[in-house]
Amino acid sequence: MNRRSVDVLVGLFVLLGFASLVFLAMRAGNMSGSIALNDTYQATARFDNIGGLKPRAAVRSAGVVVGRVTGITFDDQTYQAEVALALDRRFKFPKDSSAKIMTSGLLGDQYIGLEPGAETEMLHPGDRITMTQSAVVLENLIGQFLYGKAAEGGAK
């Protein structure tokens, strides 16, 4: 093999390695989802506290990704976070479905868990999910635990 062909092979190997790193970075950052944004319908949900929820976070039902968070805004009238969801059109949910912010593992990423209701009428594009449960903030839990222990100690 002459020097030129070795240089070309090394260059191809480096390009392949770089493409692999880009692919892994996109997978780790939830940038390549299984849901294309063109076959979805929009819904919104309001939460008192979204914790560390971010745009592009998964929306899951029964552990299956059925959508993505497309945006998060703050409503200064109700002082709540409004979360925009893009749900896959293949999956229909009843109007009385509930949404709660959950965490993957102990300190993992946060996602929205969607639990179907019992109504026969389904969510339509632009509908709001009214039954929501905010994120559990670890700092608040620790504070409540410590405050409870301090109150027990003061009562004795």
Protein backbone atom coordinates (compact mmCIF):
# COMPACT_ATOMS: atom_id res chain seq x y z
CA MET A 1 0.00 0.00 0.00
CA ASN A 2 1.34 3.40 -0.87
CA ARG A 3 1.25 6.40 1.44
CA ARG A 4 -1.71 8.05 -0.31
CA SER A 5 -4.06 5.09 0.13
CA VAL A 6 -3.09 4.79 3.82
CA ASP A 7 -3.89 8.48 4.31
CA VAL A 8 -7.30 8.03 2.65
CA LEU A 9 -8.11 5.02 4.84
CA VAL A 10 -7.07 6.88 8.00
CA GLY A 11 -9.20 9.85 6.95
CA LEU A 12 -12.24 7.60 6.39
CA PHE A 13 -11.68 5.95 9.77
CA VAL A 14 -11.57 9.37 11.48
CA LEU A 15 -14.76 10.49 9.68
CA LEU A 16 -16.52 7.28 10.72
CA GLY A 17 -15.44 7.84 14.33
CA PHE A 18 -16.67 11.44 14.26
CA ALA A 19 -20.04 10.39 12.78
CA SER A 20 -20.37 7.75 15.53
CA LEU A 21 -19.71 10.37 18.22
CA VAL A 22 -22.35 12.70 16.74
CA PHE A 23 -24.85 9.84 16.64
CA LEU A 24 -24.17 8.90 20.28
CA ALA A 25 -24.42 12.52 21.40
CA MET A 26 -27.80 12.87 19.71
CA ARG A 27 -29.06 9.65 21.30
CA ALA A 28 -27.86 10.75 24.74
CA GLY A 29 -29.52 14.16 24.34
CA ASN A 30 -32.89 12.75 23.24
CA MET A 31 -32.46 14.49 19.90
CA SER A 32 -33.35 11.47 17.78
CA GLY A 33 -36.75 10.38 18.97
CA SER A 34 -38.94 7.65 17.59
CA ILE A 35 -41.68 10.20 16.96
CA ALA A 36 -41.54 12.45 13.94
CA LEU A 37 -42.92 15.90 14.63
CA ASN A 38 -45.10 15.93 11.51
CA ASP A 39 -47.59 13.23 12.57
CA THR A 40 -48.51 14.57 16.00
CA TYR A 41 -51.28 16.57 17.61
CA GLN A 42 -50.82 19.25 20.25
CA ALA A 43 -52.14 19.23 23.80
CA THR A 44 -51.27 21.31 26.85
CA ALA A 45 -51.11 20.72 30.58
CA ARG A 46 -50.57 23.10 33.51
CA PHE A 47 -48.41 22.25 36.51
CA ASP A 48 -47.67 24.08 39.76
CA ASN A 49 -44.04 22.87 39.66
CA ILE A 50 -42.28 21.21 36.73
CA GLY A 51 -39.01 20.54 38.57
CA GLY A 52 -36.28 19.88 36.00
CA LEU A 53 -38.55 19.06 33.06
CA LYS A 54 -37.07 20.22 29.75
CA PRO A 55 -38.28 20.61 26.19
CA ARG A 56 -37.88 17.38 24.15
CA ALA A 57 -38.53 15.32 27.30
CA ALA A 58 -40.50 12.14 26.66
CA VAL A 59 -44.23 11.75 27.22
CA ARG A 60 -44.83 8.13 28.22
CA SER A 61 -47.86 5.98 28.80
CA ALA A 62 -47.37 2.47 30.21
CA GLY A 63 -43.62 2.98 29.71
CA VAL A 64 -43.96 3.60 25.96
CA VAL A 65 -42.93 6.94 24.45
CA VAL A 66 -46.12 8.42 22.96
CA GLY A 67 -44.97 12.02 22.52
CA ARG A 68 -42.54 14.78 23.40
CA VAL A 69 -42.60 18.05 25.33
CA THR A 70 -42.41 20.80 22.71
CA GLY A 71 -42.40 23.87 24.91
CA ILE A 72 -42.66 25.22 28.44
CA THR A 73 -44.01 28.66 29.30
CA PHE A 74 -45.00 30.49 32.48
CA ASP A 75 -48.54 31.82 32.82
CA ASP A 76 -48.34 35.01 34.91
CA GLN A 77 -52.11 34.97 35.51
CA THR A 78 -52.30 31.56 37.20
CA TYR A 79 -48.60 31.38 38.22
CA GLN A 80 -48.32 27.93 36.70
CA ALA A 81 -46.08 26.38 34.11
CA GLU A 82 -47.84 25.52 30.88
CA VAL A 83 -46.34 22.56 29.07
CA ALA A 84 -47.02 21.98 25.37
CA LEU A 85 -47.09 18.33 24.31
CA ALA A 86 -46.82 16.78 20.86
CA LEU A 87 -48.59 13.42 21.01
CA ASP A 88 -48.30 10.83 18.25
CA ARG A 89 -51.50 10.63 16.20
CA ARG A 90 -51.46 6.83 16.43
CA PHE A 91 -52.25 7.08 20.14
CA LYS A 92 -55.63 8.44 21.19
CA PHE A 93 -56.23 9.38 24.83
CA PRO A 94 -59.53 10.10 26.59
CA LYS A 95 -60.30 13.71 27.56
CA ASP A 96 -60.12 12.84 31.27
CA SER A 97 -56.56 11.50 31.05
CA SER A 98 -54.13 12.65 33.72
CA ALA A 99 -50.53 13.81 33.40
CA LYS A 100 -47.85 13.74 36.06
CA ILE A 101 -44.19 14.60 36.05
CA MET A 102 -42.08 11.57 36.87
CA THR A 103 -38.39 10.82 37.20
CA SER A 104 -36.45 8.03 35.49
CA GLY A 105 -34.68 6.29 38.34
CA LEU A 106 -33.61 8.05 41.52
CA LEU A 107 -31.92 11.10 40.00
CA GLY A 108 -32.64 10.58 36.29
CA ASP A 109 -34.31 12.70 33.64
CA GLN A 110 -37.84 13.86 34.17
CA TYR A 111 -40.65 12.96 31.82
CA ILE A 112 -44.43 13.24 31.68
CA GLY A 113 -46.42 10.14 32.53
CA LEU A 114 -49.80 10.10 30.81
CA GLU A 115 -52.49 7.90 32.31
CA PRO A 116 -55.63 7.32 30.23
CA GLY A 117 -59.01 8.09 31.74
CA ALA A 118 -62.37 6.40 31.20
CA GLU A 119 -64.24 8.92 29.04
CA THR A 120 -65.34 7.91 25.56
CA GLU A 121 -64.48 11.29 24.00
CA MET A 122 -60.84 11.57 22.98
CA LEU A 123 -58.40 14.48 23.20
CA HIS A 124 -58.45 16.72 20.15
CA PRO A 125 -55.63 18.97 18.88
CA GLY A 126 -55.29 21.98 21.18
CA ASP A 127 -57.09 20.40 24.16
CA ARG A 128 -55.84 20.85 27.71
CA ILE A 129 -55.20 17.99 30.12
CA THR A 130 -56.75 19.29 33.34
CA MET A 131 -55.81 16.59 35.84
CA THR A 132 -52.11 17.06 36.55
CA GLN A 133 -49.66 16.23 39.31
CA SER A 134 -46.54 18.34 39.74
CA ALA A 135 -43.00 17.09 40.07
CA VAL A 136 -41.76 15.79 43.39
CA VAL A 137 -38.83 18.04 44.31
CA LEU A 138 -36.22 16.17 46.33
CA GLU A 139 -35.18 19.29 48.27
CA ASN A 140 -38.78 19.83 49.44
CA LEU A 141 -39.05 16.23 50.62
CA ILE A 142 -35.83 16.49 52.59
CA GLY A 143 -36.96 19.79 54.11
CA GLN A 144 -40.31 18.31 55.15
CA PHE A 145 -38.57 15.31 56.68
CA LEU A 146 -36.12 17.46 58.64
CA TYR A 147 -38.87 19.85 59.75
CA GLY A 148 -40.96 16.89 60.94
CA LYS A 149 -38.03 15.46 62.90
CA ALA A 150 -37.32 18.87 64.45
CA ALA A 151 -40.99 19.21 65.47
CA GLU A 152 -40.89 15.74 67.07
CA GLY A 153 -37.76 16.67 69.04
CA GLY A 154 -39.32 19.92 70.27
CA ALA A 155 -42.48 18.16 71.47
CA LYS A 156 -40.61 15.78 73.79
